[in-house]
Amino acid sequence: LARKNGMKVHSWTLRKDQPWPGFKDTKQELDAAFKEIK
């Protein structure tokens, strides 16, 4: 939706010692960030 409105998408905050809820490790987080959400 943001891209349809002409904006880039940034996000925060990756911490290898505190994974995001729903993720098992940093590799999975980064794959989601850059291969799925882009």
PDB file of all heavy atoms in Angstrom:
ATOM      1  N   LEU A   1       0.831  -1.198   0.000  1.00  0.00           N
ATOM      2  CA  LEU A   1       0.000   0.000   0.000  1.00  0.00           C
ATOM      3  C   LEU A   1       0.872   1.257   0.000  1.00  0.00           C
ATOM      4  O   LEU A   1       0.572   2.231  -0.705  1.00  0.00           O
ATOM      5  CB  LEU A   1      -0.924  -0.011   1.222  1.00  0.00           C
ATOM      6  CG  LEU A   1      -1.961   1.117   1.317  1.00  0.00           C
ATOM      7  CD1 LEU A   1      -2.847   1.145   0.091  1.00  0.00           C
ATOM      8  CD2 LEU A   1      -2.800   0.952   2.583  1.00  0.00           C
ATOM      9  N   ALA A   2       1.949   1.227   0.764  1.00  0.00           N
ATOM     10  CA  ALA A   2       2.850   2.382   0.792  1.00  0.00           C
ATOM     11  C   ALA A   2       3.464   2.620  -0.580  1.00  0.00           C
ATOM     12  O   ALA A   2       3.565   3.762  -1.047  1.00  0.00           O
ATOM     13  CB  ALA A   2       3.940   2.161   1.833  1.00  0.00           C
ATOM     14  N   ARG A   3       3.871   1.545  -1.241  1.00  0.00           N
ATOM     15  CA  ARG A   3       4.496   1.691  -2.563  1.00  0.00           C
ATOM     16  C   ARG A   3       3.475   2.173  -3.601  1.00  0.00           C
ATOM     17  O   ARG A   3       3.829   2.935  -4.500  1.00  0.00           O
ATOM     18  CB  ARG A   3       5.120   0.365  -2.992  1.00  0.00           C
ATOM     19  CG  ARG A   3       6.334  -0.008  -2.137  1.00  0.00           C
ATOM     20  CD  ARG A   3       7.102  -1.175  -2.723  1.00  0.00           C
ATOM     21  NE  ARG A   3       8.240  -1.501  -1.871  1.00  0.00           N
ATOM     22  CZ  ARG A   3       8.288  -2.514  -1.017  1.00  0.00           C
ATOM     23  NH1 ARG A   3       7.248  -3.331  -0.904  1.00  0.00           N
ATOM     24  NH2 ARG A   3       9.357  -2.737  -0.279  1.00  0.00           N
ATOM     25  N   LYS A   4       2.244   1.744  -3.475  1.00  0.00           N
ATOM     26  CA  LYS A   4       1.213   2.229  -4.395  1.00  0.00           C
ATOM     27  C   LYS A   4       1.009   3.734  -4.244  1.00  0.00           C
ATOM     28  O   LYS A   4       0.578   4.406  -5.178  1.00  0.00           O
ATOM     29  CB  LYS A   4      -0.109   1.492  -4.136  1.00  0.00           C
ATOM     30  CG  LYS A   4      -0.111   0.063  -4.645  1.00  0.00           C
ATOM     31  CD  LYS A   4      -1.420  -0.643  -4.316  1.00  0.00           C
ATOM     32  CE  LYS A   4      -1.393  -2.095  -4.789  1.00  0.00           C
ATOM     33  NZ  LYS A   4      -2.646  -2.815  -4.420  1.00  0.00           N
ATOM     34  N   ASN A   5       1.328   4.247  -3.058  1.00  0.00           N
ATOM     35  CA  ASN A   5       1.228   5.683  -2.816  1.00  0.00           C
ATOM     36  C   ASN A   5       2.545   6.412  -3.064  1.00  0.00           C
ATOM     37  O   ASN A   5       2.704   7.569  -2.687  1.00  0.00           O
ATOM     38  CB  ASN A   5       0.754   5.930  -1.380  1.00  0.00           C
ATOM     39  CG  ASN A   5      -0.743   5.739  -1.229  1.00  0.00           C
ATOM     40  OD1 ASN A   5      -1.529   6.627  -1.549  1.00  0.00           O
ATOM     41  ND2 ASN A   5      -1.145   4.569  -0.751  1.00  0.00           N
ATOM     42  N   GLY A   6       3.492   5.715  -3.688  1.00  0.00           N
ATOM     43  CA  GLY A   6       4.717   6.358  -4.124  1.00  0.00           C
ATOM     44  C   GLY A   6       5.802   6.487  -3.074  1.00  0.00           C
ATOM     45  O   GLY A   6       6.782   7.210  -3.290  1.00  0.00           O
ATOM     46  N   MET A   7       5.666   5.791  -1.948  1.00  0.00           N
ATOM     47  CA  MET A   7       6.668   5.885  -0.892  1.00  0.00           C
ATOM     48  C   MET A   7       7.556   4.648  -0.847  1.00  0.00           C
ATOM     49  O   MET A   7       7.113   3.547  -1.162  1.00  0.00           O
ATOM     50  CB  MET A   7       5.985   6.069   0.478  1.00  0.00           C
ATOM     51  CG  MET A   7       5.253   7.379   0.633  1.00  0.00           C
ATOM     52  SD  MET A   7       4.525   7.606   2.292  1.00  0.00           S
ATOM     53  CE  MET A   7       3.111   6.473   2.193  1.00  0.00           C
ATOM     54  N   LYS A   8       8.805   4.827  -0.445  1.00  0.00           N
ATOM     55  CA  LYS A   8       9.677   3.704  -0.136  1.00  0.00           C
ATOM     56  C   LYS A   8       9.300   3.159   1.232  1.00  0.00           C
ATOM     57  O   LYS A   8       8.622   3.838   2.013  1.00  0.00           O
ATOM     58  CB  LYS A   8      11.140   4.149  -0.163  1.00  0.00           C
ATOM     59  CG  LYS A   8      11.664   4.450  -1.557  1.00  0.00           C
ATOM     60  CD  LYS A   8      13.065   5.009  -1.532  1.00  0.00           C
ATOM     61  CE  LYS A   8      13.051   6.493  -1.260  1.00  0.00           C
ATOM     62  NZ  LYS A   8      14.380   7.124  -1.479  1.00  0.00           N
ATOM     63  N   VAL A   9       9.758   1.954   1.527  1.00  0.00           N
ATOM     64  CA  VAL A   9       9.413   1.314   2.799  1.00  0.00           C
ATOM     65  C   VAL A   9      10.682   0.960   3.571  1.00  0.00           C
ATOM     66  O   VAL A   9      11.507   0.176   3.097  1.00  0.00           O
ATOM     67  CB  VAL A   9       8.558   0.045   2.584  1.00  0.00           C
ATOM     68  CG1 VAL A   9       8.167  -0.562   3.940  1.00  0.00           C
ATOM     69  CG2 VAL A   9       7.310   0.369   1.774  1.00  0.00           C
ATOM     70  N   HIS A  10      10.834   1.556   4.747  1.00  0.00           N
ATOM     71  CA  HIS A  10      11.912   1.214   5.668  1.00  0.00           C
ATOM     72  C   HIS A  10      11.288   0.628   6.936  1.00  0.00           C
ATOM     73  O   HIS A  10      10.104   0.846   7.211  1.00  0.00           O
ATOM     74  CB  HIS A  10      12.730   2.453   6.038  1.00  0.00           C
ATOM     75  CG  HIS A  10      13.558   2.992   4.914  1.00  0.00           C
ATOM     76  ND1 HIS A  10      14.505   3.979   5.075  1.00  0.00           N
ATOM     77  CD2 HIS A  10      13.589   2.675   3.587  1.00  0.00           C
ATOM     78  CE1 HIS A  10      15.077   4.245   3.920  1.00  0.00           C
ATOM     79  NE2 HIS A  10      14.532   3.477   2.991  1.00  0.00           N
ATOM     80  N   SER A  11      12.081  -0.095   7.717  1.00  0.00           N
ATOM     81  CA  SER A  11      11.533  -0.675   8.953  1.00  0.00           C
ATOM     82  C   SER A  11      12.629  -0.837   9.999  1.00  0.00           C
ATOM     83  O   SER A  11      13.810  -0.631   9.728  1.00  0.00           O
ATOM     84  CB  SER A  11      10.853  -2.019   8.669  1.00  0.00           C
ATOM     85  OG  SER A  11      10.084  -2.430   9.786  1.00  0.00           O
ATOM     86  N   TRP A  12      12.217  -1.235  11.198  1.00  0.00           N
ATOM     87  CA  TRP A  12      13.095  -1.300  12.372  1.00  0.00           C
ATOM     88  C   TRP A  12      12.562  -2.315  13.358  1.00  0.00           C
ATOM     89  O   TRP A  12      11.398  -2.634  13.327  1.00  0.00           O
ATOM     90  CB  TRP A  12      13.176   0.096  13.014  1.00  0.00           C
ATOM     91  CG  TRP A  12      11.850   0.821  13.055  1.00  0.00           C
ATOM     92  CD1 TRP A  12      11.283   1.571  12.062  1.00  0.00           C
ATOM     93  CD2 TRP A  12      10.891   0.840  14.119  1.00  0.00           C
ATOM     94  NE1 TRP A  12      10.042   2.054  12.432  1.00  0.00           N
ATOM     95  CE2 TRP A  12       9.772   1.621  13.700  1.00  0.00           C
ATOM     96  CE3 TRP A  12      10.856   0.276  15.398  1.00  0.00           C
ATOM     97  CZ2 TRP A  12       8.651   1.849  14.497  1.00  0.00           C
ATOM     98  CZ3 TRP A  12       9.726   0.509  16.194  1.00  0.00           C
ATOM     99  CH2 TRP A  12       8.642   1.292  15.725  1.00  0.00           C
ATOM    100  N   THR A  13      13.354  -2.893  14.229  1.00  0.00           N
ATOM    101  CA  THR A  13      14.797  -2.861  14.362  1.00  0.00           C
ATOM    102  C   THR A  13      15.268  -4.305  14.469  1.00  0.00           C
ATOM    103  O   THR A  13      14.770  -5.058  15.307  1.00  0.00           O
ATOM    104  CB  THR A  13      15.231  -2.107  15.639  1.00  0.00           C
ATOM    105  OG1 THR A  13      14.729  -0.773  15.624  1.00  0.00           O
ATOM    106  CG2 THR A  13      16.747  -2.119  15.801  1.00  0.00           C
ATOM    107  N   LEU A  14      16.231  -4.696  13.632  1.00  0.00           N
ATOM    108  CA  LEU A  14      16.774  -6.046  13.685  1.00  0.00           C
ATOM    109  C   LEU A  14      17.818  -6.148  14.792  1.00  0.00           C
ATOM    110  O   LEU A  14      18.782  -5.391  14.810  1.00  0.00           O
ATOM    111  CB  LEU A  14      17.420  -6.422  12.352  1.00  0.00           C
ATOM    112  CG  LEU A  14      17.931  -7.877  12.361  1.00  0.00           C
ATOM    113  CD1 LEU A  14      16.988  -8.769  11.582  1.00  0.00           C
ATOM    114  CD2 LEU A  14      19.340  -7.973  11.832  1.00  0.00           C
ATOM    115  N   ARG A  15      17.587  -7.109  15.715  1.00  0.00           N
ATOM    116  CA  ARG A  15      18.531  -7.382  16.806  1.00  0.00           C
ATOM    117  C   ARG A  15      18.774  -8.883  16.850  1.00  0.00           C
ATOM    118  O   ARG A  15      17.831  -9.653  17.069  1.00  0.00           O
ATOM    119  CB  ARG A  15      17.958  -6.918  18.146  1.00  0.00           C
ATOM    120  CG  ARG A  15      17.689  -5.421  18.241  1.00  0.00           C
ATOM    121  CD  ARG A  15      17.140  -5.054  19.620  1.00  0.00           C
ATOM    122  NE  ARG A  15      17.059  -3.619  19.799  1.00  0.00           N
ATOM    123  CZ  ARG A  15      15.932  -2.905  19.749  1.00  0.00           C
ATOM    124  NH1 ARG A  15      14.772  -3.522  19.506  1.00  0.00           N
ATOM    125  NH2 ARG A  15      15.949  -1.598  19.933  1.00  0.00           N
ATOM    126  N   LYS A  16      20.011  -9.293  16.665  1.00  0.00           N
ATOM    127  CA  LYS A  16      20.280 -10.727  16.647  1.00  0.00           C
ATOM    128  C   LYS A  16      20.108 -11.357  18.026  1.00  0.00           C
ATOM    129  O   LYS A  16      19.997 -12.585  18.132  1.00  0.00           O
ATOM    130  CB  LYS A  16      21.673 -11.006  16.096  1.00  0.00           C
ATOM    131  CG  LYS A  16      22.823 -10.520  16.935  1.00  0.00           C
ATOM    132  CD  LYS A  16      24.151 -10.837  16.256  1.00  0.00           C
ATOM    133  CE  LYS A  16      25.348 -10.416  17.099  1.00  0.00           C
ATOM    134  NZ  LYS A  16      26.634 -10.694  16.418  1.00  0.00           N
ATOM    135  N   ASP A  17      20.073 -10.544  19.081  1.00  0.00           N
ATOM    136  CA  ASP A  17      19.854 -11.075  20.426  1.00  0.00           C
ATOM    137  C   ASP A  17      18.415 -10.887  20.907  1.00  0.00           C
ATOM    138  O   ASP A  17      18.108 -11.143  22.067  1.00  0.00           O
ATOM    139  CB  ASP A  17      20.825 -10.440  21.429  1.00  0.00           C
ATOM    140  CG  ASP A  17      20.809  -8.910  21.394  1.00  0.00           C
ATOM    141  OD1 ASP A  17      20.086  -8.326  20.558  1.00  0.00           O
ATOM    142  OD2 ASP A  17      21.548  -8.301  22.194  1.00  0.00           O
ATOM    143  N   GLN A  18      17.526 -10.458  20.003  1.00  0.00           N
ATOM    144  CA  GLN A  18      16.115 -10.308  20.367  1.00  0.00           C
ATOM    145  C   GLN A  18      15.261 -10.473  19.100  1.00  0.00           C
ATOM    146  O   GLN A  18      14.867  -9.495  18.476  1.00  0.00           O
ATOM    147  CB  GLN A  18      15.861  -8.942  21.019  1.00  0.00           C
ATOM    148  CG  GLN A  18      14.462  -8.788  21.610  1.00  0.00           C
ATOM    149  CD  GLN A  18      14.248  -7.393  22.179  1.00  0.00           C
ATOM    150  OE1 GLN A  18      14.097  -6.421  21.434  1.00  0.00           O
ATOM    151  NE2 GLN A  18      14.230  -7.281  23.498  1.00  0.00           N
ATOM    152  N   PRO A  19      14.972 -11.717  18.691  1.00  0.00           N
ATOM    153  CA  PRO A  19      14.213 -11.947  17.453  1.00  0.00           C
ATOM    154  C   PRO A  19      12.810 -11.357  17.519  1.00  0.00           C
ATOM    155  O   PRO A  19      12.218 -11.224  18.590  1.00  0.00           O
ATOM    156  CB  PRO A  19      14.152 -13.479  17.363  1.00  0.00           C
ATOM    157  CG  PRO A  19      15.251 -13.969  18.234  1.00  0.00           C
ATOM    158  CD  PRO A  19      15.379 -12.966  19.339  1.00  0.00           C
ATOM    159  N   TRP A  20      12.297 -11.013  16.357  1.00  0.00           N
ATOM    160  CA  TRP A  20      10.921 -10.550  16.274  1.00  0.00           C
ATOM    161  C   TRP A  20       9.957 -11.695  16.575  1.00  0.00           C
ATOM    162  O   TRP A  20      10.259 -12.869  16.272  1.00  0.00           O
ATOM    163  CB  TRP A  20      10.623 -10.021  14.874  1.00  0.00           C
ATOM    164  CG  TRP A  20      11.288  -8.725  14.547  1.00  0.00           C
ATOM    165  CD1 TRP A  20      11.315  -7.599  15.306  1.00  0.00           C
ATOM    166  CD2 TRP A  20      12.025  -8.415  13.354  1.00  0.00           C
ATOM    167  NE1 TRP A  20      12.022  -6.606  14.666  1.00  0.00           N
ATOM    168  CE2 TRP A  20      12.466  -7.074  13.474  1.00  0.00           C
ATOM    169  CE3 TRP A  20      12.347  -9.137  12.205  1.00  0.00           C
ATOM    170  CZ2 TRP A  20      13.206  -6.438  12.478  1.00  0.00           C
ATOM    171  CZ3 TRP A  20      13.090  -8.512  11.215  1.00  0.00           C
ATOM    172  CH2 TRP A  20      13.502  -7.182  11.346  1.00  0.00           C
ATOM    173  N   PRO A  21       8.789 -11.389  17.144  1.00  0.00           N
ATOM    174  CA  PRO A  21       7.793 -12.444  17.396  1.00  0.00           C
ATOM    175  C   PRO A  21       7.424 -13.162  16.101  1.00  0.00           C
ATOM    176  O   PRO A  21       7.224 -12.535  15.060  1.00  0.00           O
ATOM    177  CB  PRO A  21       6.597 -11.665  17.947  1.00  0.00           C
ATOM    178  CG  PRO A  21       7.166 -10.416  18.509  1.00  0.00           C
ATOM    179  CD  PRO A  21       8.333 -10.071  17.627  1.00  0.00           C
ATOM    180  N   GLY A  22       7.384 -14.484  16.162  1.00  0.00           N
ATOM    181  CA  GLY A  22       7.023 -15.285  14.996  1.00  0.00           C
ATOM    182  C   GLY A  22       8.210 -15.779  14.195  1.00  0.00           C
ATOM    183  O   GLY A  22       8.050 -16.574  13.269  1.00  0.00           O
ATOM    184  N   PHE A  23       9.430 -15.323  14.541  1.00  0.00           N
ATOM    185  CA  PHE A  23      10.620 -15.710  13.788  1.00  0.00           C
ATOM    186  C   PHE A  23      11.556 -16.537  14.663  1.00  0.00           C
ATOM    187  O   PHE A  23      11.701 -16.283  15.854  1.00  0.00           O
ATOM    188  CB  PHE A  23      11.350 -14.473  13.270  1.00  0.00           C
ATOM    189  CG  PHE A  23      10.612 -13.754  12.184  1.00  0.00           C
ATOM    190  CD1 PHE A  23       9.631 -12.816  12.488  1.00  0.00           C
ATOM    191  CD2 PHE A  23      10.871 -14.040  10.854  1.00  0.00           C
ATOM    192  CE1 PHE A  23       8.938 -12.158  11.483  1.00  0.00           C
ATOM    193  CE2 PHE A  23      10.184 -13.389   9.837  1.00  0.00           C
ATOM    194  CZ  PHE A  23       9.208 -12.452  10.148  1.00  0.00           C
ATOM    195  N   LYS A  24      12.223 -17.505  14.025  1.00  0.00           N
ATOM    196  CA  LYS A  24      13.089 -18.400  14.785  1.00  0.00           C
ATOM    197  C   LYS A  24      14.530 -17.922  14.853  1.00  0.00           C
ATOM    198  O   LYS A  24      15.261 -18.245  15.794  1.00  0.00           O
ATOM    199  CB  LYS A  24      13.041 -19.808  14.199  1.00  0.00           C
ATOM    200  CG  LYS A  24      13.492 -19.908  12.742  1.00  0.00           C
ATOM    201  CD  LYS A  24      13.336 -21.324  12.211  1.00  0.00           C
ATOM    202  CE  LYS A  24      13.805 -21.418  10.759  1.00  0.00           C
ATOM    203  NZ  LYS A  24      13.651 -22.796  10.223  1.00  0.00           N
ATOM    204  N   ASP A  25      14.984 -17.165  13.840  1.00  0.00           N
ATOM    205  CA  ASP A  25      16.370 -16.705  13.858  1.00  0.00           C
ATOM    206  C   ASP A  25      16.556 -15.515  12.920  1.00  0.00           C
ATOM    207  O   ASP A  25      15.634 -15.112  12.191  1.00  0.00           O
ATOM    208  CB  ASP A  25      17.332 -17.832  13.478  1.00  0.00           C
ATOM    209  CG  ASP A  25      17.030 -18.457  12.120  1.00  0.00           C
ATOM    210  OD1 ASP A  25      16.500 -17.751  11.232  1.00  0.00           O
ATOM    211  OD2 ASP A  25      17.305 -19.657  11.946  1.00  0.00           O
ATOM    212  N   THR A  26      17.755 -14.955  12.943  1.00  0.00           N
ATOM    213  CA  THR A  26      18.070 -13.761  12.158  1.00  0.00           C
ATOM    214  C   THR A  26      17.974 -14.027  10.658  1.00  0.00           C
ATOM    215  O   THR A  26      17.509 -13.178   9.900  1.00  0.00           O
ATOM    216  CB  THR A  26      19.479 -13.261  12.513  1.00  0.00           C
ATOM    217  OG1 THR A  26      19.533 -12.965  13.911  1.00  0.00           O
ATOM    218  CG2 THR A  26      19.828 -12.008  11.733  1.00  0.00           C
ATOM    219  N   LYS A  27      18.418 -15.188  10.227  1.00  0.00           N
ATOM    220  CA  LYS A  27      18.348 -15.537   8.793  1.00  0.00           C
ATOM    221  C   LYS A  27      16.911 -15.487   8.296  1.00  0.00           C
ATOM    222  O   LYS A  27      16.625 -14.932   7.221  1.00  0.00           O
ATOM    223  CB  LYS A  27      18.950 -16.922   8.589  1.00  0.00           C
ATOM    224  CG  LYS A  27      18.745 -17.529   7.193  1.00  0.00           C
ATOM    225  CD  LYS A  27      19.541 -16.807   6.138  1.00  0.00           C
ATOM    226  CE  LYS A  27      19.699 -17.634   4.858  1.00  0.00           C
ATOM    227  NZ  LYS A  27      18.424 -18.100   4.290  1.00  0.00           N
ATOM    228  N   GLN A  28      15.991 -16.048   9.051  1.00  0.00           N
ATOM    229  CA  GLN A  28      14.587 -16.037   8.654  1.00  0.00           C
ATOM    230  C   GLN A  28      14.051 -14.605   8.625  1.00  0.00           C
ATOM    231  O   GLN A  28      13.272 -14.238   7.732  1.00  0.00           O
ATOM    232  CB  GLN A  28      13.754 -16.895   9.618  1.00  0.00           C
ATOM    233  CG  GLN A  28      12.305 -17.064   9.163  1.00  0.00           C
ATOM    234  CD  GLN A  28      11.463 -17.813  10.170  1.00  0.00           C
ATOM    235  OE1 GLN A  28      11.665 -17.688  11.388  1.00  0.00           O
ATOM    236  NE2 GLN A  28      10.507 -18.597   9.690  1.00  0.00           N
ATOM    237  N   GLU A  29      14.467 -13.797   9.583  1.00  0.00           N
ATOM    238  CA  GLU A  29      14.035 -12.401   9.619  1.00  0.00           C
ATOM    239  C   GLU A  29      14.511 -11.644   8.380  1.00  0.00           C
ATOM    240  O   GLU A  29      13.742 -10.911   7.746  1.00  0.00           O
ATOM    241  CB  GLU A  29      14.572 -11.728  10.885  1.00  0.00           C
ATOM    242  CG  GLU A  29      13.960 -12.253  12.162  1.00  0.00           C
ATOM    243  CD  GLU A  29      14.649 -11.698  13.402  1.00  0.00           C
ATOM    244  OE1 GLU A  29      15.893 -11.548  13.391  1.00  0.00           O
ATOM    245  OE2 GLU A  29      13.955 -11.409  14.379  1.00  0.00           O
ATOM    246  N   LEU A  30      15.761 -11.830   8.035  1.00  0.00           N
ATOM    247  CA  LEU A  30      16.318 -11.120   6.887  1.00  0.00           C
ATOM    248  C   LEU A  30      15.734 -11.612   5.573  1.00  0.00           C
ATOM    249  O   LEU A  30      15.518 -10.829   4.644  1.00  0.00           O
ATOM    250  CB  LEU A  30      17.839 -11.259   6.893  1.00  0.00           C
ATOM    251  CG  LEU A  30      18.548 -10.498   8.023  1.00  0.00           C
ATOM    252  CD1 LEU A  30      20.009 -10.910   8.120  1.00  0.00           C
ATOM    253  CD2 LEU A  30      18.437  -8.996   7.810  1.00  0.00           C
ATOM    254  N   ASP A  31      15.466 -12.902   5.471  1.00  0.00           N
ATOM    255  CA  ASP A  31      14.802 -13.429   4.272  1.00  0.00           C
ATOM    256  C   ASP A  31      13.424 -12.787   4.096  1.00  0.00           C
ATOM    257  O   ASP A  31      13.041 -12.405   2.990  1.00  0.00           O
ATOM    258  CB  ASP A  31      14.661 -14.951   4.364  1.00  0.00           C
ATOM    259  CG  ASP A  31      15.952 -15.690   4.073  1.00  0.00           C
ATOM    260  OD1 ASP A  31      16.880 -15.084   3.512  1.00  0.00           O
ATOM    261  OD2 ASP A  31      16.035 -16.893   4.412  1.00  0.00           O
ATOM    262  N   ALA A  32      12.683 -12.679   5.191  1.00  0.00           N
ATOM    263  CA  ALA A  32      11.357 -12.058   5.124  1.00  0.00           C
ATOM    264  C   ALA A  32      11.470 -10.588   4.746  1.00  0.00           C
ATOM    265  O   ALA A  32      10.699 -10.073   3.923  1.00  0.00           O
ATOM    266  CB  ALA A  32      10.640 -12.208   6.461  1.00  0.00           C
ATOM    267  N   ALA A  33      12.450  -9.905   5.328  1.00  0.00           N
ATOM    268  CA  ALA A  33      12.618  -8.469   5.087  1.00  0.00           C
ATOM    269  C   ALA A  33      12.956  -8.159   3.637  1.00  0.00           C
ATOM    270  O   ALA A  33      12.384  -7.241   3.036  1.00  0.00           O
ATOM    271  CB  ALA A  33      13.703  -7.916   6.016  1.00  0.00           C
ATOM    272  N   PHE A  34      13.878  -8.937   3.051  1.00  0.00           N
ATOM    273  CA  PHE A  34      14.411  -8.571   1.744  1.00  0.00           C
ATOM    274  C   PHE A  34      13.957  -9.458   0.587  1.00  0.00           C
ATOM    275  O   PHE A  34      14.017  -9.037  -0.568  1.00  0.00           O
ATOM    276  CB  PHE A  34      15.935  -8.548   1.810  1.00  0.00           C
ATOM    277  CG  PHE A  34      16.458  -7.515   2.774  1.00  0.00           C
ATOM    278  CD1 PHE A  34      17.167  -7.896   3.903  1.00  0.00           C
ATOM    279  CD2 PHE A  34      16.203  -6.172   2.580  1.00  0.00           C
ATOM    280  CE1 PHE A  34      17.646  -6.949   4.798  1.00  0.00           C
ATOM    281  CE2 PHE A  34      16.664  -5.216   3.469  1.00  0.00           C
ATOM    282  CZ  PHE A  34      17.385  -5.601   4.586  1.00  0.00           C
ATOM    283  N   LYS A  35      13.483 -10.673   0.874  1.00  0.00           N
ATOM    284  CA  LYS A  35      13.030 -11.548  -0.203  1.00  0.00           C
ATOM    285  C   LYS A  35      11.514 -11.591  -0.319  1.00  0.00           C
ATOM    286  O   LYS A  35      10.982 -11.867  -1.393  1.00  0.00           O
ATOM    287  CB  LYS A  35      13.585 -12.962   0.000  1.00  0.00           C
ATOM    288  CG  LYS A  35      15.104 -13.026  -0.126  1.00  0.00           C
ATOM    289  CD  LYS A  35      15.647 -14.441   0.051  1.00  0.00           C
ATOM    290  CE  LYS A  35      17.155 -14.466  -0.095  1.00  0.00           C
ATOM    291  NZ  LYS A  35      17.727 -15.829   0.084  1.00  0.00           N
ATOM    292  N   GLU A  36      10.822 -11.322   0.804  1.00  0.00           N
ATOM    293  CA  GLU A  36       9.358 -11.304   0.759  1.00  0.00           C
ATOM    294  C   GLU A  36       8.818  -9.876   0.719  1.00  0.00           C
ATOM    295  O   GLU A  36       8.117  -9.493  -0.215  1.00  0.00           O
ATOM    296  CB  GLU A  36       8.798 -12.057   1.969  1.00  0.00           C
ATOM    297  CG  GLU A  36       9.113 -13.544   1.975  1.00  0.00           C
ATOM    298  CD  GLU A  36       8.459 -14.262   3.145  1.00  0.00           C
ATOM    299  OE1 GLU A  36       7.230 -14.479   3.103  1.00  0.00           O
ATOM    300  OE2 GLU A  36       9.170 -14.609   4.112  1.00  0.00           O
ATOM    301  N   ILE A  37       9.145  -9.076   1.721  1.00  0.00           N
ATOM    302  CA  ILE A  37       8.634  -7.703   1.783  1.00  0.00           C
ATOM    303  C   ILE A  37       9.389  -6.791   0.834  1.00  0.00           C
ATOM    304  O   ILE A  37       8.853  -5.820   0.333  1.00  0.00           O
ATOM    305  CB  ILE A  37       8.719  -7.173   3.229  1.00  0.00           C
ATOM    306  CG1 ILE A  37       7.916  -8.073   4.171  1.00  0.00           C
ATOM    307  CG2 ILE A  37       8.194  -5.736   3.323  1.00  0.00           C
ATOM    308  CD1 ILE A  37       8.123  -7.767   5.644  1.00  0.00           C
ATOM    309  N   LYS A  38      10.673  -7.117   0.606  1.00  0.00           N
ATOM    310  CA  LYS A  38      11.554  -6.305  -0.236  1.00  0.00           C
ATOM    311  C   LYS A  38      11.682  -4.877   0.306  1.00  0.00           C
ATOM    312  O   LYS A  38      11.434  -3.882  -0.401  1.00  0.00           O
ATOM    313  CB  LYS A  38      11.090  -6.309  -1.693  1.00  0.00           C
ATOM    314  CG  LYS A  38      11.235  -7.672  -2.351  1.00  0.00           C
ATOM    315  CD  LYS A  38      11.039  -7.596  -3.842  1.00  0.00           C
ATOM    316  CE  LYS A  38      11.282  -8.958  -4.506  1.00  0.00           C
ATOM    317  NZ  LYS A  38      12.657  -9.422  -4.348  1.00  0.00           N
TER     318      LYS A  38
END
